[in-house]
Amino acid sequence: LYDAVLATPIGPGEVALGEVGWAVLRGALYAIAFMLVMLALGLLHTP
């Protein structure tokens, strides 16, 4: 994939940040979903 990406104006540093950013987004989605489960189970009691 990255061979194709570097054929565009995107540089390797941006590739690294993009991959980290996507992984962070995925982790955040997992965390939000788990927080909703905690809320449903009555495990959240404070702002």
ModelCIF file with pLDDT and N, C-alpha, C, O atoms, coordinates in Angstrom:
data_MODEL
#
_entry.id   MODEL 
#
_entity.id                         1 
_entity.type                       polymer 
_entity.pdbx_number_of_molecules   1 
#
_entity_poly.entity_id                      1 
_entity_poly.type                           'polypeptide(L)' 
_entity_poly.nstd_linkage                   no 
_entity_poly.nstd_monomer                   no 
_entity_poly.pdbx_seq_one_letter_code       LYDAVLATPIGPGEVALGEVGWAVLRGALYAIAFMLVMLALGLLHTP 
_entity_poly.pdbx_seq_one_letter_code_can   LYDAVLATPIGPGEVALGEVGWAVLRGALYAIAFMLVMLALGLLHTP 
_entity_poly.pdbx_strand_id                 A 
#
loop_
_entity_poly_seq.entity_id 
_entity_poly_seq.num 
_entity_poly_seq.mon_id 
_entity_poly_seq.hetero 
1 1  LEU n 
1 2  TYR n 
1 3  ASP n 
1 4  ALA n 
1 5  VAL n 
1 6  LEU n 
1 7  ALA n 
1 8  THR n 
1 9  PRO n 
1 10 ILE n 
1 11 GLY n 
1 12 PRO n 
1 13 GLY n 
1 14 GLU n 
1 15 VAL n 
1 16 ALA n 
1 17 LEU n 
1 18 GLY n 
1 19 GLU n 
1 20 VAL n 
1 21 GLY n 
1 22 TRP n 
1 23 ALA n 
1 24 VAL n 
1 25 LEU n 
1 26 ARG n 
1 27 GLY n 
1 28 ALA n 
1 29 LEU n 
1 30 TYR n 
1 31 ALA n 
1 32 ILE n 
1 33 ALA n 
1 34 PHE n 
1 35 MET n 
1 36 LEU n 
1 37 VAL n 
1 38 MET n 
1 39 LEU n 
1 40 ALA n 
1 41 LEU n 
1 42 GLY n 
1 43 LEU n 
1 44 LEU n 
1 45 HIS n 
1 46 THR n 
1 47 PRO n 
#
_struct_asym.id          A 
_struct_asym.entity_id   1 
#
loop_
_ma_qa_metric.id 
_ma_qa_metric.mode 
_ma_qa_metric.name 
_ma_qa_metric.software_group_id 
_ma_qa_metric.type 
1 global pLDDT . pLDDT 
2 local  pLDDT . pLDDT 
#
_ma_qa_metric_global.metric_id      1 
_ma_qa_metric_global.metric_value   90.77 
_ma_qa_metric_global.model_id       1 
_ma_qa_metric_global.ordinal_id     1 
#
loop_
_ma_qa_metric_local.label_asym_id 
_ma_qa_metric_local.label_comp_id 
_ma_qa_metric_local.label_seq_id 
_ma_qa_metric_local.metric_id 
_ma_qa_metric_local.metric_value 
_ma_qa_metric_local.model_id 
_ma_qa_metric_local.ordinal_id 
A LEU 1  2 91.00 1 1  
A TYR 2  2 91.00 1 2  
A ASP 3  2 87.00 1 3  
A ALA 4  2 89.00 1 4  
A VAL 5  2 89.00 1 5  
A LEU 6  2 85.00 1 6  
A ALA 7  2 86.00 1 7  
A THR 8  2 85.00 1 8  
A PRO 9  2 84.00 1 9  
A ILE 10 2 86.00 1 10 
A GLY 11 2 85.00 1 11 
A PRO 12 2 86.00 1 12 
A GLY 13 2 86.00 1 13 
A GLU 14 2 89.00 1 14 
A VAL 15 2 91.00 1 15 
A ALA 16 2 91.00 1 16 
A LEU 17 2 92.00 1 17 
A GLY 18 2 93.00 1 18 
A GLU 19 2 95.00 1 19 
A VAL 20 2 95.00 1 20 
A GLY 21 2 94.00 1 21 
A TRP 22 2 95.00 1 22 
A ALA 23 2 95.00 1 23 
A VAL 24 2 96.00 1 24 
A LEU 25 2 94.00 1 25 
A ARG 26 2 92.00 1 26 
A GLY 27 2 93.00 1 27 
A ALA 28 2 94.00 1 28 
A LEU 29 2 90.00 1 29 
A TYR 30 2 91.00 1 30 
A ALA 31 2 93.00 1 31 
A ILE 32 2 93.00 1 32 
A ALA 33 2 89.00 1 33 
A PHE 34 2 91.00 1 34 
A MET 35 2 93.00 1 35 
A LEU 36 2 91.00 1 36 
A VAL 37 2 89.00 1 37 
A MET 38 2 92.00 1 38 
A LEU 39 2 92.00 1 39 
A ALA 40 2 89.00 1 40 
A LEU 41 2 89.00 1 41 
A GLY 42 2 90.00 1 42 
A LEU 43 2 92.00 1 43 
A LEU 44 2 93.00 1 44 
A HIS 45 2 91.00 1 45 
A THR 46 2 94.00 1 46 
A PRO 47 2 95.00 1 47 
#
loop_
_atom_site.group_PDB 
_atom_site.id 
_atom_site.type_symbol 
_atom_site.label_atom_id 
_atom_site.label_alt_id 
_atom_site.label_comp_id 
_atom_site.label_asym_id 
_atom_site.label_entity_id 
_atom_site.label_seq_id 
_atom_site.pdbx_PDB_ins_code 
_atom_site.Cartn_x 
_atom_site.Cartn_y 
_atom_site.Cartn_z 
_atom_site.occupancy 
_atom_site.B_iso_or_equiv 
_atom_site.pdbx_formal_charge 
_atom_site.auth_seq_id 
_atom_site.auth_comp_id 
_atom_site.auth_asym_id 
_atom_site.auth_atom_id 
_atom_site.pdbx_PDB_model_num 
ATOM 1   N N  . LEU A 1 1  ? 0.823   -1.213 0.000  1.00 91.00 ? 1  LEU A N  1 
ATOM 2   C CA . LEU A 1 1  ? 0.000   0.000  0.000  1.00 91.00 ? 1  LEU A CA 1 
ATOM 3   C C  . LEU A 1 1  ? 0.853   1.257  0.000  1.00 91.00 ? 1  LEU A C  1 
ATOM 4   O O  . LEU A 1 1  ? 0.539   2.225  -0.693 1.00 91.00 ? 1  LEU A O  1 
ATOM 5   N N  . TYR A 1 2  ? 1.925   1.247  0.771  1.00 91.00 ? 2  TYR A N  1 
ATOM 6   C CA . TYR A 1 2  ? 2.703   2.473  0.943  1.00 91.00 ? 2  TYR A CA 1 
ATOM 7   C C  . TYR A 1 2  ? 3.476   2.850  -0.312 1.00 91.00 ? 2  TYR A C  1 
ATOM 8   O O  . TYR A 1 2  ? 3.789   4.024  -0.513 1.00 91.00 ? 2  TYR A O  1 
ATOM 9   N N  . ASP A 1 3  ? 3.789   1.872  -1.163 1.00 87.00 ? 3  ASP A N  1 
ATOM 10  C CA . ASP A 1 3  ? 4.409   2.211  -2.441 1.00 87.00 ? 3  ASP A CA 1 
ATOM 11  C C  . ASP A 1 3  ? 3.471   3.079  -3.277 1.00 87.00 ? 3  ASP A C  1 
ATOM 12  O O  . ASP A 1 3  ? 3.892   4.031  -3.935 1.00 87.00 ? 3  ASP A O  1 
ATOM 13  N N  . ALA A 1 4  ? 2.178   2.717  -3.231 1.00 89.00 ? 4  ALA A N  1 
ATOM 14  C CA . ALA A 1 4  ? 1.185   3.507  -3.960 1.00 89.00 ? 4  ALA A CA 1 
ATOM 15  C C  . ALA A 1 4  ? 0.974   4.866  -3.309 1.00 89.00 ? 4  ALA A C  1 
ATOM 16  O O  . ALA A 1 4  ? 0.814   5.873  -3.999 1.00 89.00 ? 4  ALA A O  1 
ATOM 17  N N  . VAL A 1 5  ? 0.973   4.893  -1.979 1.00 89.00 ? 5  VAL A N  1 
ATOM 18  C CA . VAL A 1 5  ? 0.763   6.149  -1.260 1.00 89.00 ? 5  VAL A CA 1 
ATOM 19  C C  . VAL A 1 5  ? 1.869   7.144  -1.566 1.00 89.00 ? 5  VAL A C  1 
ATOM 20  O O  . VAL A 1 5  ? 1.605   8.332  -1.747 1.00 89.00 ? 5  VAL A O  1 
ATOM 21  N N  . LEU A 1 6  ? 3.110   6.665  -1.626 1.00 85.00 ? 6  LEU A N  1 
ATOM 22  C CA . LEU A 1 6  ? 4.237   7.566  -1.860 1.00 85.00 ? 6  LEU A CA 1 
ATOM 23  C C  . LEU A 1 6  ? 4.315   8.045  -3.305 1.00 85.00 ? 6  LEU A C  1 
ATOM 24  O O  . LEU A 1 6  ? 5.139   8.898  -3.634 1.00 85.00 ? 6  LEU A O  1 
ATOM 25  N N  . ALA A 1 7  ? 3.457   7.497  -4.171 1.00 86.00 ? 7  ALA A N  1 
ATOM 26  C CA . ALA A 1 7  ? 3.359   8.031  -5.525 1.00 86.00 ? 7  ALA A CA 1 
ATOM 27  C C  . ALA A 1 7  ? 2.526   9.314  -5.556 1.00 86.00 ? 7  ALA A C  1 
ATOM 28  O O  . ALA A 1 7  ? 2.422   9.972  -6.591 1.00 86.00 ? 7  ALA A O  1 
ATOM 29  N N  . THR A 1 8  ? 1.940   9.657  -4.417 1.00 85.00 ? 8  THR A N  1 
ATOM 30  C CA . THR A 1 8  ? 1.181   10.896 -4.243 1.00 85.00 ? 8  THR A CA 1 
ATOM 31  C C  . THR A 1 8  ? 2.059   11.883 -3.467 1.00 85.00 ? 8  THR A C  1 
ATOM 32  O O  . THR A 1 8  ? 3.181   11.532 -3.102 1.00 85.00 ? 8  THR A O  1 
ATOM 33  N N  . PRO A 1 9  ? 1.590   13.091 -3.207 1.00 84.00 ? 9  PRO A N  1 
ATOM 34  C CA . PRO A 1 9  ? 2.390   14.040 -2.422 1.00 84.00 ? 9  PRO A CA 1 
ATOM 35  C C  . PRO A 1 9  ? 2.537   13.677 -0.947 1.00 84.00 ? 9  PRO A C  1 
ATOM 36  O O  . PRO A 1 9  ? 3.169   14.422 -0.199 1.00 84.00 ? 9  PRO A O  1 
ATOM 37  N N  . ILE A 1 10 ? 1.970   12.553 -0.509 1.00 86.00 ? 10 ILE A N  1 
ATOM 38  C CA . ILE A 1 10 ? 2.075   12.146 0.892  1.00 86.00 ? 10 ILE A CA 1 
ATOM 39  C C  . ILE A 1 10 ? 3.468   11.601 1.166  1.00 86.00 ? 10 ILE A C  1 
ATOM 40  O O  . ILE A 1 10 ? 3.971   10.780 0.398  1.00 86.00 ? 10 ILE A O  1 
ATOM 41  N N  . GLY A 1 11 ? 4.096   12.041 2.244  1.00 85.00 ? 11 GLY A N  1 
ATOM 42  C CA . GLY A 1 11 ? 5.425   11.601 2.612  1.00 85.00 ? 11 GLY A CA 1 
ATOM 43  C C  . GLY A 1 11 ? 5.400   10.521 3.679  1.00 85.00 ? 11 GLY A C  1 
ATOM 44  O O  . GLY A 1 11 ? 4.339   10.238 4.234  1.00 85.00 ? 11 GLY A O  1 
ATOM 45  N N  . PRO A 1 12 ? 6.534   9.913  3.979  1.00 86.00 ? 12 PRO A N  1 
ATOM 46  C CA . PRO A 1 12 ? 6.591   8.808  4.937  1.00 86.00 ? 12 PRO A CA 1 
ATOM 47  C C  . PRO A 1 12 ? 6.212   9.227  6.357  1.00 86.00 ? 12 PRO A C  1 
ATOM 48  O O  . PRO A 1 12 ? 5.625   8.440  7.100  1.00 86.00 ? 12 PRO A O  1 
ATOM 49  N N  . GLY A 1 13 ? 6.544   10.462 6.735  1.00 86.00 ? 13 GLY A N  1 
ATOM 50  C CA . GLY A 1 13 ? 6.149   10.917 8.057  1.00 86.00 ? 13 GLY A CA 1 
ATOM 51  C C  . GLY A 1 13 ? 4.640   11.007 8.187  1.00 86.00 ? 13 GLY A C  1 
ATOM 52  O O  . GLY A 1 13 ? 4.073   10.682 9.231  1.00 86.00 ? 13 GLY A O  1 
ATOM 53  N N  . GLU A 1 14 ? 3.995   11.450 7.117  1.00 89.00 ? 14 GLU A N  1 
ATOM 54  C CA . GLU A 1 14 ? 2.533   11.518 7.112  1.00 89.00 ? 14 GLU A CA 1 
ATOM 55  C C  . GLU A 1 14 ? 1.918   10.127 7.116  1.00 89.00 ? 14 GLU A C  1 
ATOM 56  O O  . GLU A 1 14 ? 0.854   9.920  7.700  1.00 89.00 ? 14 GLU A O  1 
ATOM 57  N N  . VAL A 1 15 ? 2.579   9.173  6.470  1.00 91.00 ? 15 VAL A N  1 
ATOM 58  C CA . VAL A 1 15 ? 2.123   7.788  6.514  1.00 91.00 ? 15 VAL A CA 1 
ATOM 59  C C  . VAL A 1 15 ? 2.145   7.293  7.964  1.00 91.00 ? 15 VAL A C  1 
ATOM 60  O O  . VAL A 1 15 ? 1.182   6.685  8.432  1.00 91.00 ? 15 VAL A O  1 
ATOM 61  N N  . ALA A 1 16 ? 3.245   7.556  8.666  1.00 91.00 ? 16 ALA A N  1 
ATOM 62  C CA . ALA A 1 16 ? 3.347   7.123  10.070 1.00 91.00 ? 16 ALA A CA 1 
ATOM 63  C C  . ALA A 1 16 ? 2.253   7.752  10.911 1.00 91.00 ? 16 ALA A C  1 
ATOM 64  O O  . ALA A 1 16 ? 1.598   7.065  11.695 1.00 91.00 ? 16 ALA A O  1 
ATOM 65  N N  . LEU A 1 17 ? 2.045   9.068  10.752 1.00 92.00 ? 17 LEU A N  1 
ATOM 66  C CA . LEU A 1 17 ? 1.027   9.745  11.546 1.00 92.00 ? 17 LEU A CA 1 
ATOM 67  C C  . LEU A 1 17 ? -0.368  9.246  11.177 1.00 92.00 ? 17 LEU A C  1 
ATOM 68  O O  . LEU A 1 17 ? -1.219  9.088  12.053 1.00 92.00 ? 17 LEU A O  1 
ATOM 69  N N  . GLY A 1 18 ? -0.608  8.998  9.896  1.00 93.00 ? 18 GLY A N  1 
ATOM 70  C CA . GLY A 1 18 ? -1.905  8.492  9.479  1.00 93.00 ? 18 GLY A CA 1 
ATOM 71  C C  . GLY A 1 18 ? -2.198  7.126  10.055 1.00 93.00 ? 18 GLY A C  1 
ATOM 72  O O  . GLY A 1 18 ? -3.316  6.861  10.497 1.00 93.00 ? 18 GLY A O  1 
ATOM 73  N N  . GLU A 1 19 ? -1.203  6.256  10.056 1.00 95.00 ? 19 GLU A N  1 
ATOM 74  C CA . GLU A 1 19 ? -1.408  4.924  10.610 1.00 95.00 ? 19 GLU A CA 1 
ATOM 75  C C  . GLU A 1 19 ? -1.627  4.983  12.127 1.00 95.00 ? 19 GLU A C  1 
ATOM 76  O O  . GLU A 1 19 ? -2.481  4.283  12.671 1.00 95.00 ? 19 GLU A O  1 
ATOM 77  N N  . VAL A 1 20 ? -0.851  5.817  12.787 1.00 95.00 ? 20 VAL A N  1 
ATOM 78  C CA . VAL A 1 20 ? -1.058  5.983  14.228 1.00 95.00 ? 20 VAL A CA 1 
ATOM 79  C C  . VAL A 1 20 ? -2.440  6.579  14.495 1.00 95.00 ? 20 VAL A C  1 
ATOM 80  O O  . VAL A 1 20 ? -3.145  6.151  15.408 1.00 95.00 ? 20 VAL A O  1 
ATOM 81  N N  . GLY A 1 21 ? -2.816  7.571  13.687 1.00 94.00 ? 21 GLY A N  1 
ATOM 82  C CA . GLY A 1 21 ? -4.120  8.200  13.871 1.00 94.00 ? 21 GLY A CA 1 
ATOM 83  C C  . GLY A 1 21 ? -5.272  7.226  13.679 1.00 94.00 ? 21 GLY A C  1 
ATOM 84  O O  . GLY A 1 21 ? -6.246  7.257  14.431 1.00 94.00 ? 21 GLY A O  1 
ATOM 85  N N  . TRP A 1 22 ? -5.164  6.358  12.670 1.00 95.00 ? 22 TRP A N  1 
ATOM 86  C CA . TRP A 1 22 ? -6.228  5.382  12.455 1.00 95.00 ? 22 TRP A CA 1 
ATOM 87  C C  . TRP A 1 22 ? -6.292  4.376  13.610 1.00 95.00 ? 22 TRP A C  1 
ATOM 88  O O  . TRP A 1 22 ? -7.380  4.019  14.061 1.00 95.00 ? 22 TRP A O  1 
ATOM 89  N N  . ALA A 1 23 ? -5.132  3.921  14.087 1.00 95.00 ? 23 ALA A N  1 
ATOM 90  C CA . ALA A 1 23 ? -5.115  2.988  15.210 1.00 95.00 ? 23 ALA A CA 1 
ATOM 91  C C  . ALA A 1 23 ? -5.693  3.630  16.470 1.00 95.00 ? 23 ALA A C  1 
ATOM 92  O O  . ALA A 1 23 ? -6.392  2.973  17.242 1.00 95.00 ? 23 ALA A O  1 
ATOM 93  N N  . VAL A 1 24 ? -5.400  4.913  16.676 1.00 96.00 ? 24 VAL A N  1 
ATOM 94  C CA . VAL A 1 24 ? -5.968  5.627  17.828 1.00 96.00 ? 24 VAL A CA 1 
ATOM 95  C C  . VAL A 1 24 ? -7.488  5.724  17.696 1.00 96.00 ? 24 VAL A C  1 
ATOM 96  O O  . VAL A 1 24 ? -8.219  5.552  18.671 1.00 96.00 ? 24 VAL A O  1 
ATOM 97  N N  . LEU A 1 25 ? -7.949  6.001  16.484 1.00 94.00 ? 25 LEU A N  1 
ATOM 98  C CA . LEU A 1 25 ? -9.396  6.088  16.256 1.00 94.00 ? 25 LEU A CA 1 
ATOM 99  C C  . LEU A 1 25 ? -10.068 4.758  16.550 1.00 94.00 ? 25 LEU A C  1 
ATOM 100 O O  . LEU A 1 25 ? -11.138 4.717  17.158 1.00 94.00 ? 25 LEU A O  1 
ATOM 101 N N  . ARG A 1 26 ? -9.443  3.677  16.120 1.00 92.00 ? 26 ARG A N  1 
ATOM 102 C CA . ARG A 1 26 ? -10.014 2.356  16.399 1.00 92.00 ? 26 ARG A CA 1 
ATOM 103 C C  . ARG A 1 26 ? -10.029 2.074  17.893 1.00 92.00 ? 26 ARG A C  1 
ATOM 104 O O  . ARG A 1 26 ? -11.022 1.574  18.423 1.00 92.00 ? 26 ARG A O  1 
ATOM 105 N N  . GLY A 1 27 ? -8.929  2.392  18.576 1.00 93.00 ? 27 GLY A N  1 
ATOM 106 C CA . GLY A 1 27 ? -8.897  2.206  20.021 1.00 93.00 ? 27 GLY A CA 1 
ATOM 107 C C  . GLY A 1 27 ? -9.940  3.038  20.733 1.00 93.00 ? 27 GLY A C  1 
ATOM 108 O O  . GLY A 1 27 ? -10.549 2.579  21.699 1.00 93.00 ? 27 GLY A O  1 
ATOM 109 N N  . ALA A 1 28 ? -10.156 4.273  20.260 1.00 94.00 ? 28 ALA A N  1 
ATOM 110 C CA . ALA A 1 28 ? -11.163 5.145  20.863 1.00 94.00 ? 28 ALA A CA 1 
ATOM 111 C C  . ALA A 1 28 ? -12.564 4.573  20.684 1.00 94.00 ? 28 ALA A C  1 
ATOM 112 O O  . ALA A 1 28 ? -13.382 4.629  21.603 1.00 94.00 ? 28 ALA A O  1 
ATOM 113 N N  . LEU A 1 29 ? -12.844 4.022  19.505 1.00 90.00 ? 29 LEU A N  1 
ATOM 114 C CA . LEU A 1 29 ? -14.150 3.414  19.273 1.00 90.00 ? 29 LEU A CA 1 
ATOM 115 C C  . LEU A 1 29 ? -14.376 2.220  20.188 1.00 90.00 ? 29 LEU A C  1 
ATOM 116 O O  . LEU A 1 29 ? -15.475 2.036  20.710 1.00 90.00 ? 29 LEU A O  1 
ATOM 117 N N  . TYR A 1 30 ? -13.341 1.406  20.385 1.00 91.00 ? 30 TYR A N  1 
ATOM 118 C CA . TYR A 1 30 ? -13.454 0.282  21.307 1.00 91.00 ? 30 TYR A CA 1 
ATOM 119 C C  . TYR A 1 30 ? -13.749 0.783  22.716 1.00 91.00 ? 30 TYR A C  1 
ATOM 120 O O  . TYR A 1 30 ? -14.599 0.234  23.416 1.00 91.00 ? 30 TYR A O  1 
ATOM 121 N N  . ALA A 1 31 ? -13.037 1.831  23.124 1.00 93.00 ? 31 ALA A N  1 
ATOM 122 C CA . ALA A 1 31 ? -13.201 2.355  24.477 1.00 93.00 ? 31 ALA A CA 1 
ATOM 123 C C  . ALA A 1 31 ? -14.598 2.940  24.676 1.00 93.00 ? 31 ALA A C  1 
ATOM 124 O O  . ALA A 1 31 ? -15.220 2.720  25.715 1.00 93.00 ? 31 ALA A O  1 
ATOM 125 N N  . ILE A 1 32 ? -15.093 3.678  23.688 1.00 93.00 ? 32 ILE A N  1 
ATOM 126 C CA . ILE A 1 32 ? -16.429 4.270  23.802 1.00 93.00 ? 32 ILE A CA 1 
ATOM 127 C C  . ILE A 1 32 ? -17.487 3.177  23.908 1.00 93.00 ? 32 ILE A C  1 
ATOM 128 O O  . ILE A 1 32 ? -18.409 3.273  24.718 1.00 93.00 ? 32 ILE A O  1 
ATOM 129 N N  . ALA A 1 33 ? -17.350 2.130  23.078 1.00 89.00 ? 33 ALA A N  1 
ATOM 130 C CA . ALA A 1 33 ? -18.307 1.019  23.138 1.00 89.00 ? 33 ALA A CA 1 
ATOM 131 C C  . ALA A 1 33 ? -18.280 0.347  24.506 1.00 89.00 ? 33 ALA A C  1 
ATOM 132 O O  . ALA A 1 33 ? -19.326 -0.006 25.050 1.00 89.00 ? 33 ALA A O  1 
ATOM 133 N N  . PHE A 1 34 ? -17.088 0.172  25.056 1.00 91.00 ? 34 PHE A N  1 
ATOM 134 C CA . PHE A 1 34 ? -16.979 -0.470 26.372 1.00 91.00 ? 34 PHE A CA 1 
ATOM 135 C C  . PHE A 1 34 ? -17.536 0.437  27.462 1.00 91.00 ? 34 PHE A C  1 
ATOM 136 O O  . PHE A 1 34 ? -18.136 -0.047 28.422 1.00 91.00 ? 34 PHE A O  1 
ATOM 137 N N  . MET A 1 35 ? -17.346 1.743  27.326 1.00 93.00 ? 35 MET A N  1 
ATOM 138 C CA . MET A 1 35 ? -17.916 2.679  28.288 1.00 93.00 ? 35 MET A CA 1 
ATOM 139 C C  . MET A 1 35 ? -19.445 2.605  28.283 1.00 93.00 ? 35 MET A C  1 
ATOM 140 O O  . MET A 1 35 ? -20.076 2.701  29.336 1.00 93.00 ? 35 MET A O  1 
ATOM 141 N N  . LEU A 1 36 ? -20.030 2.435  27.115 1.00 91.00 ? 36 LEU A N  1 
ATOM 142 C CA . LEU A 1 36 ? -21.484 2.306  27.037 1.00 91.00 ? 36 LEU A CA 1 
ATOM 143 C C  . LEU A 1 36 ? -21.952 1.041  27.753 1.00 91.00 ? 36 LEU A C  1 
ATOM 144 O O  . LEU A 1 36 ? -23.000 1.043  28.399 1.00 91.00 ? 36 LEU A O  1 
ATOM 145 N N  . VAL A 1 37 ? -21.180 -0.034 27.639 1.00 89.00 ? 37 VAL A N  1 
ATOM 146 C CA . VAL A 1 37 ? -21.504 -1.261 28.378 1.00 89.00 ? 37 VAL A CA 1 
ATOM 147 C C  . VAL A 1 37 ? -21.418 -1.018 29.884 1.00 89.00 ? 37 VAL A C  1 
ATOM 148 O O  . VAL A 1 37 ? -22.285 -1.455 30.641 1.00 89.00 ? 37 VAL A O  1 
ATOM 149 N N  . MET A 1 38 ? -20.369 -0.320 30.310 1.00 92.00 ? 38 MET A N  1 
ATOM 150 C CA . MET A 1 38 ? -20.233 0.001  31.733 1.00 92.00 ? 38 MET A CA 1 
ATOM 151 C C  . MET A 1 38 ? -21.408 0.834  32.220 1.00 92.00 ? 38 MET A C  1 
ATOM 152 O O  . MET A 1 38 ? -21.911 0.621  33.323 1.00 92.00 ? 38 MET A O  1 
ATOM 153 N N  . LEU A 1 39 ? -21.844 1.780  31.402 1.00 92.00 ? 39 LEU A N  1 
ATOM 154 C CA . LEU A 1 39 ? -22.989 2.606  31.765 1.00 92.00 ? 39 LEU A CA 1 
ATOM 155 C C  . LEU A 1 39 ? -24.243 1.755  31.898 1.00 92.00 ? 39 LEU A C  1 
ATOM 156 O O  . LEU A 1 39 ? -25.026 1.941  32.830 1.00 92.00 ? 39 LEU A O  1 
ATOM 157 N N  . ALA A 1 40 ? -24.437 0.818  30.966 1.00 89.00 ? 40 ALA A N  1 
ATOM 158 C CA . ALA A 1 40 ? -25.614 -0.051 31.015 1.00 89.00 ? 40 ALA A CA 1 
ATOM 159 C C  . ALA A 1 40 ? -25.602 -0.955 32.234 1.00 89.00 ? 40 ALA A C  1 
ATOM 160 O O  . ALA A 1 40 ? -26.660 -1.307 32.756 1.00 89.00 ? 40 ALA A O  1 
ATOM 161 N N  . LEU A 1 41 ? -24.409 -1.337 32.696 1.00 89.00 ? 41 LEU A N  1 
ATOM 162 C CA . LEU A 1 41 ? -24.292 -2.209 33.858 1.00 89.00 ? 41 LEU A CA 1 
ATOM 163 C C  . LEU A 1 41 ? -24.269 -1.431 35.173 1.00 89.00 ? 41 LEU A C  1 
ATOM 164 O O  . LEU A 1 41 ? -24.130 -2.026 36.242 1.00 89.00 ? 41 LEU A O  1 
ATOM 165 N N  . GLY A 1 42 ? -24.403 -0.122 35.100 1.00 90.00 ? 42 GLY A N  1 
ATOM 166 C CA . GLY A 1 42 ? -24.429 0.684  36.309 1.00 90.00 ? 42 GLY A CA 1 
ATOM 167 C C  . GLY A 1 42 ? -23.086 0.826  36.992 1.00 90.00 ? 42 GLY A C  1 
ATOM 168 O O  . GLY A 1 42 ? -23.012 0.890  38.219 1.00 90.00 ? 42 GLY A O  1 
ATOM 169 N N  . LEU A 1 43 ? -22.016 0.877  36.197 1.00 92.00 ? 43 LEU A N  1 
ATOM 170 C CA . LEU A 1 43 ? -20.663 0.953  36.759 1.00 92.00 ? 43 LEU A CA 1 
ATOM 171 C C  . LEU A 1 43 ? -20.073 2.358  36.705 1.00 92.00 ? 43 LEU A C  1 
ATOM 172 O O  . LEU A 1 43 ? -18.915 2.554  37.072 1.00 92.00 ? 43 LEU A O  1 
ATOM 173 N N  . LEU A 1 44 ? -20.847 3.327  36.256 1.00 93.00 ? 44 LEU A N  1 
ATOM 174 C CA . LEU A 1 44 ? -20.382 4.717  36.192 1.00 93.00 ? 44 LEU A CA 1 
ATOM 175 C C  . LEU A 1 44 ? -21.213 5.546  37.157 1.00 93.00 ? 44 LEU A C  1 
ATOM 176 O O  . LEU A 1 44 ? -22.435 5.622  37.037 1.00 93.00 ? 44 LEU A O  1 
ATOM 177 N N  . HIS A 1 45 ? -20.530 6.172  38.124 1.00 91.00 ? 45 HIS A N  1 
ATOM 178 C CA . HIS A 1 45 ? -21.252 6.880  39.188 1.00 91.00 ? 45 HIS A CA 1 
ATOM 179 C C  . HIS A 1 45 ? -20.804 8.324  39.373 1.00 91.00 ? 45 HIS A C  1 
ATOM 180 O O  . HIS A 1 45 ? -21.311 9.009  40.260 1.00 91.00 ? 45 HIS A O  1 
ATOM 181 N N  . THR A 1 46 ? -19.869 8.803  38.559 1.00 94.00 ? 46 THR A N  1 
ATOM 182 C CA . THR A 1 46 ? -19.321 10.129 38.779 1.00 94.00 ? 46 THR A CA 1 
ATOM 183 C C  . THR A 1 46 ? -19.091 10.844 37.455 1.00 94.00 ? 46 THR A C  1 
ATOM 184 O O  . THR A 1 46 ? -18.759 10.193 36.464 1.00 94.00 ? 46 THR A O  1 
ATOM 185 N N  . PRO A 1 47 ? -19.258 12.162 37.408 1.00 95.00 ? 47 PRO A N  1 
ATOM 186 C CA . PRO A 1 47 ? -18.965 12.911 36.177 1.00 95.00 ? 47 PRO A CA 1 
ATOM 187 C C  . PRO A 1 47 ? -17.507 12.811 35.737 1.00 95.00 ? 47 PRO A C  1 
ATOM 188 O O  . PRO A 1 47 ? -17.128 13.392 34.721 1.00 95.00 ? 47 PRO A O  1 
#
